[in-house]
Amino acid sequence: MMKKIVLLCNMGMSTSMLVEKMKEVAYKKGYECSIEAHSLSKAKEVAAEADCILVGPQVKFQISKIKEDCPNVPIKDIDMLSYGTMNGEAVLKLAKELIAQ
């Protein structure tokens, strides 16, 4: 079953680069998912139906607000190392762990 992973940051631009890295890894591993990047301002609109939400480290202070907007979706911040190195494999692994909970 296709899983929906949403990444959120200030403008959705820096996470867009990470999304492409994650899609490459997902394709190579045969993991069926859609991965999207959006700005925090669209969280309620685009992430309420997601299977998990990952938040950029620069905006992790907003997690409690996102949890209010999307109460039934597992949410976690992306660690600075994985984010800074655009480690798609590590972030996809994080998403899969969240979805499995």
PDB file of N, CA and C in Angstrom:
ATOM      1  N   MET A   1       0.844  -1.181   0.000  1.00  0.00           N
ATOM      2  CA  MET A   1       0.000   0.000   0.000  1.00  0.00           C
ATOM      3  C   MET A   1       0.890   1.246   0.000  1.00  0.00           C
ATOM      4  N   MET A   2       0.561   2.172  -0.866  1.00  0.00           N
ATOM      5  CA  MET A   2       1.325   3.404  -1.010  1.00  0.00           C
ATOM      6  C   MET A   2       1.259   4.236   0.265  1.00  0.00           C
ATOM      7  N   LYS A   3       2.414   4.640   0.751  1.00  0.00           N
ATOM      8  CA  LYS A   3       2.498   5.484   1.936  1.00  0.00           C
ATOM      9  C   LYS A   3       2.774   6.923   1.511  1.00  0.00           C
ATOM     10  N   LYS A   4       2.256   7.852   2.289  1.00  0.00           N
ATOM     11  CA  LYS A   4       2.455   9.271   2.006  1.00  0.00           C
ATOM     12  C   LYS A   4       3.329   9.876   3.098  1.00  0.00           C
ATOM     13  N   ILE A   5       4.482  10.375   2.672  1.00  0.00           N
ATOM     14  CA  ILE A   5       5.444  11.000   3.583  1.00  0.00           C
ATOM     15  C   ILE A   5       5.489  12.488   3.248  1.00  0.00           C
ATOM     16  N   VAL A   6       5.335  13.329   4.260  1.00  0.00           N
ATOM     17  CA  VAL A   6       5.372  14.780   4.053  1.00  0.00           C
ATOM     18  C   VAL A   6       6.514  15.380   4.857  1.00  0.00           C
ATOM     19  N   LEU A   7       7.326  16.178   4.184  1.00  0.00           N
ATOM     20  CA  LEU A   7       8.394  16.921   4.845  1.00  0.00           C
ATOM     21  C   LEU A   7       7.981  18.383   4.907  1.00  0.00           C
ATOM     22  N   LEU A   8       8.230  19.009   6.051  1.00  0.00           N
ATOM     23  CA  LEU A   8       7.865  20.416   6.223  1.00  0.00           C
ATOM     24  C   LEU A   8       9.091  21.231   6.624  1.00  0.00           C
ATOM     25  N   CYS A   9       9.202  22.422   6.045  1.00  0.00           N
ATOM     26  CA  CYS A   9      10.213  23.383   6.485  1.00  0.00           C
ATOM     27  C   CYS A   9       9.637  24.778   6.272  1.00  0.00           C
ATOM     28  N   ASN A  10      10.451  25.805   6.378  1.00  0.00           N
ATOM     29  CA  ASN A  10       9.933  27.168   6.259  1.00  0.00           C
ATOM     30  C   ASN A  10       9.194  27.403   4.944  1.00  0.00           C
ATOM     31  N   MET A  11       9.866  27.113   3.840  1.00  0.00           N
ATOM     32  CA  MET A  11       9.286  27.379   2.529  1.00  0.00           C
ATOM     33  C   MET A  11       9.058  26.106   1.709  1.00  0.00           C
ATOM     34  N   GLY A  12       9.527  24.991   2.170  1.00  0.00           N
ATOM     35  CA  GLY A  12       9.414  23.742   1.417  1.00  0.00           C
ATOM     36  C   GLY A  12      10.487  23.596   0.351  1.00  0.00           C
ATOM     37  N   MET A  13      11.449  24.521   0.350  1.00  0.00           N
ATOM     38  CA  MET A  13      12.478  24.487  -0.697  1.00  0.00           C
ATOM     39  C   MET A  13      13.652  23.586  -0.325  1.00  0.00           C
ATOM     40  N   SER A  14      14.209  23.749   0.859  1.00  0.00           N
ATOM     41  CA  SER A  14      15.355  22.918   1.233  1.00  0.00           C
ATOM     42  C   SER A  14      14.935  21.460   1.382  1.00  0.00           C
ATOM     43  N   THR A  15      13.734  21.233   1.872  1.00  0.00           N
ATOM     44  CA  THR A  15      13.280  19.849   1.987  1.00  0.00           C
ATOM     45  C   THR A  15      12.994  19.240   0.616  1.00  0.00           C
ATOM     46  N   SER A  16      12.752  20.072  -0.384  1.00  0.00           N
ATOM     47  CA  SER A  16      12.522  19.547  -1.740  1.00  0.00           C
ATOM     48  C   SER A  16      13.746  18.795  -2.250  1.00  0.00           C
ATOM     49  N   MET A  17      14.915  19.299  -1.927  1.00  0.00           N
ATOM     50  CA  MET A  17      16.148  18.615  -2.341  1.00  0.00           C
ATOM     51  C   MET A  17      16.254  17.266  -1.640  1.00  0.00           C
ATOM     52  N   LEU A  18      15.910  17.240  -0.372  1.00  0.00           N
ATOM     53  CA  LEU A  18      15.955  15.994   0.386  1.00  0.00           C
ATOM     54  C   LEU A  18      14.917  14.997  -0.130  1.00  0.00           C
ATOM     55  N   VAL A  19      13.781  15.496  -0.543  1.00  0.00           N
ATOM     56  CA  VAL A  19      12.733  14.634  -1.101  1.00  0.00           C
ATOM     57  C   VAL A  19      13.268  13.868  -2.302  1.00  0.00           C
ATOM     58  N   GLU A  20      14.008  14.555  -3.177  1.00  0.00           N
ATOM     59  CA  GLU A  20      14.549  13.879  -4.362  1.00  0.00           C
ATOM     60  C   GLU A  20      15.514  12.764  -3.969  1.00  0.00           C
ATOM     61  N   LYS A  21      16.339  13.005  -2.965  1.00  0.00           N
ATOM     62  CA  LYS A  21      17.261  11.967  -2.471  1.00  0.00           C
ATOM     63  C   LYS A  21      16.483  10.785  -1.892  1.00  0.00           C
ATOM     64  N   MET A  22      15.435  11.082  -1.157  1.00  0.00           N
ATOM     65  CA  MET A  22      14.617  10.018  -0.565  1.00  0.00           C
ATOM     66  C   MET A  22      13.910   9.210  -1.652  1.00  0.00           C
ATOM     67  N   LYS A  23      13.428   9.881  -2.684  1.00  0.00           N
ATOM     68  CA  LYS A  23      12.744   9.179  -3.773  1.00  0.00           C
ATOM     69  C   LYS A  23      13.705   8.226  -4.485  1.00  0.00           C
ATOM     70  N   GLU A  24      14.941   8.653  -4.679  1.00  0.00           N
ATOM     71  CA  GLU A  24      15.945   7.776  -5.307  1.00  0.00           C
ATOM     72  C   GLU A  24      16.128   6.499  -4.488  1.00  0.00           C
ATOM     73  N   VAL A  25      16.264   6.649  -3.184  1.00  0.00           N
ATOM     74  CA  VAL A  25      16.468   5.497  -2.301  1.00  0.00           C
ATOM     75  C   VAL A  25      15.223   4.602  -2.304  1.00  0.00           C
ATOM     76  N   ALA A  26      14.056   5.208  -2.210  1.00  0.00           N
ATOM     77  CA  ALA A  26      12.806   4.437  -2.185  1.00  0.00           C
ATOM     78  C   ALA A  26      12.657   3.632  -3.475  1.00  0.00           C
ATOM     79  N   TYR A  27      12.987   4.248  -4.599  1.00  0.00           N
ATOM     80  CA  TYR A  27      12.885   3.563  -5.889  1.00  0.00           C
ATOM     81  C   TYR A  27      13.838   2.368  -5.934  1.00  0.00           C
ATOM     82  N   LYS A  28      15.075   2.584  -5.516  1.00  0.00           N
ATOM     83  CA  LYS A  28      16.077   1.505  -5.531  1.00  0.00           C
ATOM     84  C   LYS A  28      15.674   0.358  -4.622  1.00  0.00           C
ATOM     85  N   LYS A  29      15.016   0.665  -3.509  1.00  0.00           N
ATOM     86  CA  LYS A  29      14.622  -0.370  -2.546  1.00  0.00           C
ATOM     87  C   LYS A  29      13.226  -0.928  -2.810  1.00  0.00           C
ATOM     88  N   GLY A  30      12.538  -0.391  -3.819  1.00  0.00           N
ATOM     89  CA  GLY A  30      11.203  -0.879  -4.147  1.00  0.00           C
ATOM     90  C   GLY A  30      10.154  -0.530  -3.110  1.00  0.00           C
ATOM     91  N   TYR A  31      10.386   0.581  -2.384  1.00  0.00           N
ATOM     92  CA  TYR A  31       9.424   1.020  -1.362  1.00  0.00           C
ATOM     93  C   TYR A  31       8.420   1.971  -2.000  1.00  0.00           C
ATOM     94  N   GLU A  32       7.160   1.563  -2.024  1.00  0.00           N
ATOM     95  CA  GLU A  32       6.119   2.374  -2.647  1.00  0.00           C
ATOM     96  C   GLU A  32       5.675   3.490  -1.707  1.00  0.00           C
ATOM     97  N   CYS A  33       5.928   4.711  -2.132  1.00  0.00           N
ATOM     98  CA  CYS A  33       5.524   5.850  -1.311  1.00  0.00           C
ATOM     99  C   CYS A  33       5.485   7.108  -2.167  1.00  0.00           C
ATOM    100  N   SER A  34       4.738   8.076  -1.681  1.00  0.00           N
ATOM    101  CA  SER A  34       4.809   9.412  -2.257  1.00  0.00           C
ATOM    102  C   SER A  34       5.494  10.282  -1.208  1.00  0.00           C
ATOM    103  N   ILE A  35       6.377  11.119  -1.652  1.00  0.00           N
ATOM    104  CA  ILE A  35       7.118  11.989  -0.735  1.00  0.00           C
ATOM    105  C   ILE A  35       6.983  13.410  -1.249  1.00  0.00           C
ATOM    106  N   GLU A  36       6.516  14.293  -0.374  1.00  0.00           N
ATOM    107  CA  GLU A  36       6.284  15.690  -0.773  1.00  0.00           C
ATOM    108  C   GLU A  36       6.931  16.626   0.233  1.00  0.00           C
ATOM    109  N   ALA A  37       7.294  17.801  -0.235  1.00  0.00           N
ATOM    110  CA  ALA A  37       7.820  18.857   0.634  1.00  0.00           C
ATOM    111  C   ALA A  37       6.888  20.060   0.557  1.00  0.00           C
ATOM    112  N   HIS A  38       6.608  20.630   1.714  1.00  0.00           N
ATOM    113  CA  HIS A  38       5.726  21.784   1.769  1.00  0.00           C
ATOM    114  C   HIS A  38       6.199  22.758   2.836  1.00  0.00           C
ATOM    115  N   SER A  39       5.656  23.955   2.777  1.00  0.00           N
ATOM    116  CA  SER A  39       5.950  24.940   3.817  1.00  0.00           C
ATOM    117  C   SER A  39       5.088  24.656   5.039  1.00  0.00           C
ATOM    118  N   LEU A  40       5.576  25.103   6.183  1.00  0.00           N
ATOM    119  CA  LEU A  40       4.825  24.911   7.430  1.00  0.00           C
ATOM    120  C   LEU A  40       3.417  25.484   7.345  1.00  0.00           C
ATOM    121  N   SER A  41       3.273  26.563   6.626  1.00  0.00           N
ATOM    122  CA  SER A  41       1.961  27.227   6.561  1.00  0.00           C
ATOM    123  C   SER A  41       0.897  26.334   5.928  1.00  0.00           C
ATOM    124  N   LYS A  42       1.328  25.304   5.193  1.00  0.00           N
ATOM    125  CA  LYS A  42       0.361  24.413   4.548  1.00  0.00           C
ATOM    126  C   LYS A  42       0.197  23.089   5.285  1.00  0.00           C
ATOM    127  N   ALA A  43       0.763  22.975   6.460  1.00  0.00           N
ATOM    128  CA  ALA A  43       0.766  21.699   7.186  1.00  0.00           C
ATOM    129  C   ALA A  43      -0.632  21.115   7.334  1.00  0.00           C
ATOM    130  N   LYS A  44      -1.541  21.907   7.841  1.00  0.00           N
ATOM    131  CA  LYS A  44      -2.890  21.402   8.095  1.00  0.00           C
ATOM    132  C   LYS A  44      -3.560  20.943   6.804  1.00  0.00           C
ATOM    133  N   GLU A  45      -3.314  21.668   5.735  1.00  0.00           N
ATOM    134  CA  GLU A  45      -3.952  21.393   4.453  1.00  0.00           C
ATOM    135  C   GLU A  45      -3.375  20.147   3.765  1.00  0.00           C
ATOM    136  N   VAL A  46      -2.056  19.976   3.803  1.00  0.00           N
ATOM    137  CA  VAL A  46      -1.427  18.912   3.019  1.00  0.00           C
ATOM    138  C   VAL A  46      -0.985  17.704   3.829  1.00  0.00           C
ATOM    139  N   ALA A  47      -0.865  17.846   5.132  1.00  0.00           N
ATOM    140  CA  ALA A  47      -0.267  16.770   5.912  1.00  0.00           C
ATOM    141  C   ALA A  47      -1.255  15.979   6.758  1.00  0.00           C
ATOM    142  N   ALA A  48      -2.486  16.418   6.863  1.00  0.00           N
ATOM    143  CA  ALA A  48      -3.450  15.734   7.721  1.00  0.00           C
ATOM    144  C   ALA A  48      -3.716  14.305   7.261  1.00  0.00           C
ATOM    145  N   GLU A  49      -3.542  14.028   5.980  1.00  0.00           N
ATOM    146  CA  GLU A  49      -3.786  12.691   5.437  1.00  0.00           C
ATOM    147  C   GLU A  49      -2.499  11.889   5.272  1.00  0.00           C
ATOM    148  N   ALA A  50      -1.392  12.424   5.744  1.00  0.00           N
ATOM    149  CA  ALA A  50      -0.097  11.753   5.571  1.00  0.00           C
ATOM    150  C   ALA A  50       0.036  10.564   6.519  1.00  0.00           C
ATOM    151  N   ASP A  51       0.938   9.648   6.165  1.00  0.00           N
ATOM    152  CA  ASP A  51       1.249   8.530   7.059  1.00  0.00           C
ATOM    153  C   ASP A  51       2.311   8.937   8.067  1.00  0.00           C
ATOM    154  N   CYS A  52       3.112   9.940   7.726  1.00  0.00           N
ATOM    155  CA  CYS A  52       4.038  10.525   8.698  1.00  0.00           C
ATOM    156  C   CYS A  52       4.469  11.904   8.209  1.00  0.00           C
ATOM    157  N   ILE A  53       4.895  12.713   9.160  1.00  0.00           N
ATOM    158  CA  ILE A  53       5.382  14.060   8.860  1.00  0.00           C
ATOM    159  C   ILE A  53       6.778  14.191   9.440  1.00  0.00           C
ATOM    160  N   LEU A  54       7.710  14.645   8.610  1.00  0.00           N
ATOM    161  CA  LEU A  54       9.070  14.914   9.068  1.00  0.00           C
ATOM    162  C   LEU A  54       9.304  16.415   8.958  1.00  0.00           C
ATOM    163  N   VAL A  55       9.896  16.971  10.001  1.00  0.00           N
ATOM    164  CA  VAL A  55      10.063  18.420  10.092  1.00  0.00           C
ATOM    165  C   VAL A  55      11.542  18.768  10.010  1.00  0.00           C
ATOM    166  N   GLY A  56      11.879  19.756   9.202  1.00  0.00           N
ATOM    167  CA  GLY A  56      13.259  20.213   9.087  1.00  0.00           C
ATOM    168  C   GLY A  56      13.781  20.708  10.426  1.00  0.00           C
ATOM    169  N   PRO A  57      15.068  20.497  10.704  1.00  0.00           N
ATOM    170  CA  PRO A  57      15.611  20.866  12.020  1.00  0.00           C
ATOM    171  C   PRO A  57      15.506  22.354  12.322  1.00  0.00           C
ATOM    172  N   GLN A  58      15.487  23.193  11.298  1.00  0.00           N
ATOM    173  CA  GLN A  58      15.412  24.635  11.517  1.00  0.00           C
ATOM    174  C   GLN A  58      14.042  25.089  12.010  1.00  0.00           C
ATOM    175  N   VAL A  59      13.041  24.223  11.890  1.00  0.00           N
ATOM    176  CA  VAL A  59      11.691  24.588  12.331  1.00  0.00           C
ATOM    177  C   VAL A  59      11.113  23.581  13.326  1.00  0.00           C
ATOM    178  N   LYS A  60      11.989  22.798  13.961  1.00  0.00           N
ATOM    179  CA  LYS A  60      11.468  21.761  14.858  1.00  0.00           C
ATOM    180  C   LYS A  60      10.738  22.359  16.068  1.00  0.00           C
ATOM    181  N   PHE A  61      10.999  23.625  16.368  1.00  0.00           N
ATOM    182  CA  PHE A  61      10.272  24.267  17.466  1.00  0.00           C
ATOM    183  C   PHE A  61       8.776  24.378  17.174  1.00  0.00           C
ATOM    184  N   GLN A  62       8.383  24.128  15.939  1.00  0.00           N
ATOM    185  CA  GLN A  62       6.964  24.216  15.543  1.00  0.00           C
ATOM    186  C   GLN A  62       6.233  22.879  15.667  1.00  0.00           C
ATOM    187  N   ILE A  63       6.911  21.838  16.146  1.00  0.00           N
ATOM    188  CA  ILE A  63       6.308  20.499  16.165  1.00  0.00           C
ATOM    189  C   ILE A  63       5.003  20.472  16.974  1.00  0.00           C
ATOM    190  N   SER A  64       4.959  21.146  18.113  1.00  0.00           N
ATOM    191  CA  SER A  64       3.726  21.097  18.911  1.00  0.00           C
ATOM    192  C   SER A  64       2.549  21.709  18.143  1.00  0.00           C
ATOM    193  N   LYS A  65       2.807  22.763  17.388  1.00  0.00           N
ATOM    194  CA  LYS A  65       1.754  23.386  16.573  1.00  0.00           C
ATOM    195  C   LYS A  65       1.303  22.436  15.463  1.00  0.00           C
ATOM    196  N   ILE A  66       2.255  21.755  14.838  1.00  0.00           N
ATOM    197  CA  ILE A  66       1.915  20.804  13.769  1.00  0.00           C
ATOM    198  C   ILE A  66       1.094  19.644  14.347  1.00  0.00           C
ATOM    199  N   LYS A  67       1.460  19.210  15.550  1.00  0.00           N
ATOM    200  CA  LYS A  67       0.699  18.124  16.186  1.00  0.00           C
ATOM    201  C   LYS A  67      -0.737  18.549  16.461  1.00  0.00           C
ATOM    202  N   GLU A  68      -0.939  19.821  16.772  1.00  0.00           N
ATOM    203  CA  GLU A  68      -2.306  20.326  16.961  1.00  0.00           C
ATOM    204  C   GLU A  68      -3.077  20.296  15.648  1.00  0.00           C
ATOM    205  N   ASP A  69      -2.396  20.670  14.572  1.00  0.00           N
ATOM    206  CA  ASP A  69      -3.040  20.723  13.255  1.00  0.00           C
ATOM    207  C   ASP A  69      -3.272  19.327  12.664  1.00  0.00           C
ATOM    208  N   CYS A  70      -2.401  18.388  12.987  1.00  0.00           N
ATOM    209  CA  CYS A  70      -2.474  17.037  12.417  1.00  0.00           C
ATOM    210  C   CYS A  70      -2.354  16.020  13.550  1.00  0.00           C
ATOM    211  N   PRO A  71      -3.376  15.907  14.382  1.00  0.00           N
ATOM    212  CA  PRO A  71      -3.265  15.113  15.610  1.00  0.00           C
ATOM    213  C   PRO A  71      -3.111  13.602  15.418  1.00  0.00           C
ATOM    214  N   ASN A  72      -3.489  13.078  14.290  1.00  0.00           N
ATOM    215  CA  ASN A  72      -3.455  11.626  14.106  1.00  0.00           C
ATOM    216  C   ASN A  72      -2.266  11.141  13.266  1.00  0.00           C
ATOM    217  N   VAL A  73      -1.322  12.013  13.034  1.00  0.00           N
ATOM    218  CA  VAL A  73      -0.190  11.668  12.181  1.00  0.00           C
ATOM    219  C   VAL A  73       1.096  11.665  13.016  1.00  0.00           C
ATOM    220  N   PRO A  74       1.898  10.586  12.928  1.00  0.00           N
ATOM    221  CA  PRO A  74       3.178  10.590  13.643  1.00  0.00           C
ATOM    222  C   PRO A  74       4.116  11.662  13.079  1.00  0.00           C
ATOM    223  N   ILE A  75       4.766  12.399  13.977  1.00  0.00           N
ATOM    224  CA  ILE A  75       5.608  13.529  13.577  1.00  0.00           C
ATOM    225  C   ILE A  75       6.949  13.434  14.284  1.00  0.00           C
ATOM    226  N   LYS A  76       8.012  13.735  13.542  1.00  0.00           N
ATOM    227  CA  LYS A  76       9.344  13.761  14.146  1.00  0.00           C
ATOM    228  C   LYS A  76      10.195  14.762  13.383  1.00  0.00           C
ATOM    229  N   ASP A  77      11.182  15.321  14.081  1.00  0.00           N
ATOM    230  CA  ASP A  77      12.111  16.215  13.403  1.00  0.00           C
ATOM    231  C   ASP A  77      13.248  15.405  12.783  1.00  0.00           C
ATOM    232  N   ILE A  78      13.789  15.935  11.719  1.00  0.00           N
ATOM    233  CA  ILE A  78      14.926  15.319  11.026  1.00  0.00           C
ATOM    234  C   ILE A  78      16.193  15.807  11.723  1.00  0.00           C
ATOM    235  N   ASP A  79      17.093  14.871  12.047  1.00  0.00           N
ATOM    236  CA  ASP A  79      18.309  15.295  12.741  1.00  0.00           C
ATOM    237  C   ASP A  79      19.183  16.148  11.805  1.00  0.00           C
ATOM    238  N   MET A  80      19.945  17.036  12.430  1.00  0.00           N
ATOM    239  CA  MET A  80      20.738  18.014  11.680  1.00  0.00           C
ATOM    240  C   MET A  80      21.747  17.354  10.735  1.00  0.00           C
ATOM    241  N   LEU A  81      22.380  16.274  11.169  1.00  0.00           N
ATOM    242  CA  LEU A  81      23.378  15.607  10.331  1.00  0.00           C
ATOM    243  C   LEU A  81      22.739  15.039   9.062  1.00  0.00           C
ATOM    244  N   SER A  82      21.649  14.311   9.210  1.00  0.00           N
ATOM    245  CA  SER A  82      20.977  13.725   8.045  1.00  0.00           C
ATOM    246  C   SER A  82      20.461  14.814   7.117  1.00  0.00           C
ATOM    247  N   TYR A  83      19.953  15.885   7.709  1.00  0.00           N
ATOM    248  CA  TYR A  83      19.410  16.985   6.915  1.00  0.00           C
ATOM    249  C   TYR A  83      20.533  17.724   6.178  1.00  0.00           C
ATOM    250  N   GLY A  84      21.582  18.035   6.910  1.00  0.00           N
ATOM    251  CA  GLY A  84      22.687  18.797   6.326  1.00  0.00           C
ATOM    252  C   GLY A  84      23.426  18.057   5.227  1.00  0.00           C
ATOM    253  N   THR A  85      23.475  16.737   5.338  1.00  0.00           N
ATOM    254  CA  THR A  85      24.170  15.946   4.315  1.00  0.00           C
ATOM    255  C   THR A  85      23.213  15.412   3.254  1.00  0.00           C
ATOM    256  N   MET A  86      21.939  15.797   3.365  1.00  0.00           N
ATOM    257  CA  MET A  86      20.901  15.330   2.434  1.00  0.00           C
ATOM    258  C   MET A  86      20.922  13.807   2.320  1.00  0.00           C
ATOM    259  N   ASN A  87      20.959  13.154   3.478  1.00  0.00           N
ATOM    260  CA  ASN A  87      21.038  11.698   3.538  1.00  0.00           C
ATOM    261  C   ASN A  87      19.634  11.097   3.370  1.00  0.00           C
ATOM    262  N   GLY A  88      19.268  10.901   2.122  1.00  0.00           N
ATOM    263  CA  GLY A  88      17.939  10.387   1.818  1.00  0.00           C
ATOM    264  C   GLY A  88      17.667   9.029   2.438  1.00  0.00           C
ATOM    265  N   GLU A  89      18.691   8.194   2.498  1.00  0.00           N
ATOM    266  CA  GLU A  89      18.502   6.853   3.051  1.00  0.00           C
ATOM    267  C   GLU A  89      18.154   6.925   4.542  1.00  0.00           C
ATOM    268  N   ALA A  90      18.882   7.736   5.291  1.00  0.00           N
ATOM    269  CA  ALA A  90      18.631   7.853   6.734  1.00  0.00           C
ATOM    270  C   ALA A  90      17.255   8.459   7.006  1.00  0.00           C
ATOM    271  N   VAL A  91      16.870   9.442   6.220  1.00  0.00           N
ATOM    272  CA  VAL A  91      15.582  10.102   6.463  1.00  0.00           C
ATOM    273  C   VAL A  91      14.429   9.191   6.032  1.00  0.00           C
ATOM    274  N   LEU A  92      14.617   8.433   4.957  1.00  0.00           N
ATOM    275  CA  LEU A  92      13.580   7.471   4.566  1.00  0.00           C
ATOM    276  C   LEU A  92      13.427   6.400   5.642  1.00  0.00           C
ATOM    277  N   LYS A  93      14.545   5.962   6.211  1.00  0.00           N
ATOM    278  CA  LYS A  93      14.498   4.981   7.296  1.00  0.00           C
ATOM    279  C   LYS A  93      13.708   5.546   8.486  1.00  0.00           C
ATOM    280  N   LEU A  94      13.949   6.798   8.813  1.00  0.00           N
ATOM    281  CA  LEU A  94      13.217   7.457   9.894  1.00  0.00           C
ATOM    282  C   LEU A  94      11.712   7.463   9.600  1.00  0.00           C
ATOM    283  N   ALA A  95      11.365   7.798   8.371  1.00  0.00           N
ATOM    284  CA  ALA A  95       9.948   7.829   7.981  1.00  0.00           C
ATOM    285  C   ALA A  95       9.322   6.441   8.117  1.00  0.00           C
ATOM    286  N   LYS A  96      10.028   5.413   7.661  1.00  0.00           N
ATOM    287  CA  LYS A  96       9.495   4.055   7.737  1.00  0.00           C
ATOM    288  C   LYS A  96       9.312   3.618   9.195  1.00  0.00           C
ATOM    289  N   GLU A  97      10.228   4.016  10.056  1.00  0.00           N
ATOM    290  CA  GLU A  97      10.102   3.693  11.482  1.00  0.00           C
ATOM    291  C   GLU A  97       8.873   4.373  12.086  1.00  0.00           C
ATOM    292  N   LEU A  98       8.651   5.615  11.714  1.00  0.00           N
ATOM    293  CA  LEU A  98       7.477   6.341  12.219  1.00  0.00           C
ATOM    294  C   LEU A  98       6.176   5.692  11.743  1.00  0.00           C
ATOM    295  N   ILE A  99       6.157   5.303  10.492  1.00  0.00           N
ATOM    296  CA  ILE A  99       4.952   4.693   9.918  1.00  0.00           C
ATOM    297  C   ILE A  99       4.675   3.349  10.583  1.00  0.00           C
ATOM    298  N   ALA A 100       5.717   2.619  10.932  1.00  0.00           N
ATOM    299  CA  ALA A 100       5.565   1.293  11.540  1.00  0.00           C
ATOM    300  C   ALA A 100       5.052   1.354  12.977  1.00  0.00           C
ATOM    301  N   GLN A 101       5.152   2.499  13.623  1.00  0.00           N
ATOM    302  CA  GLN A 101       4.738   2.609  15.037  1.00  0.00           C
ATOM    303  C   GLN A 101       3.238   2.503  15.185  1.00  0.00           C
TER     304      GLN A 101
END
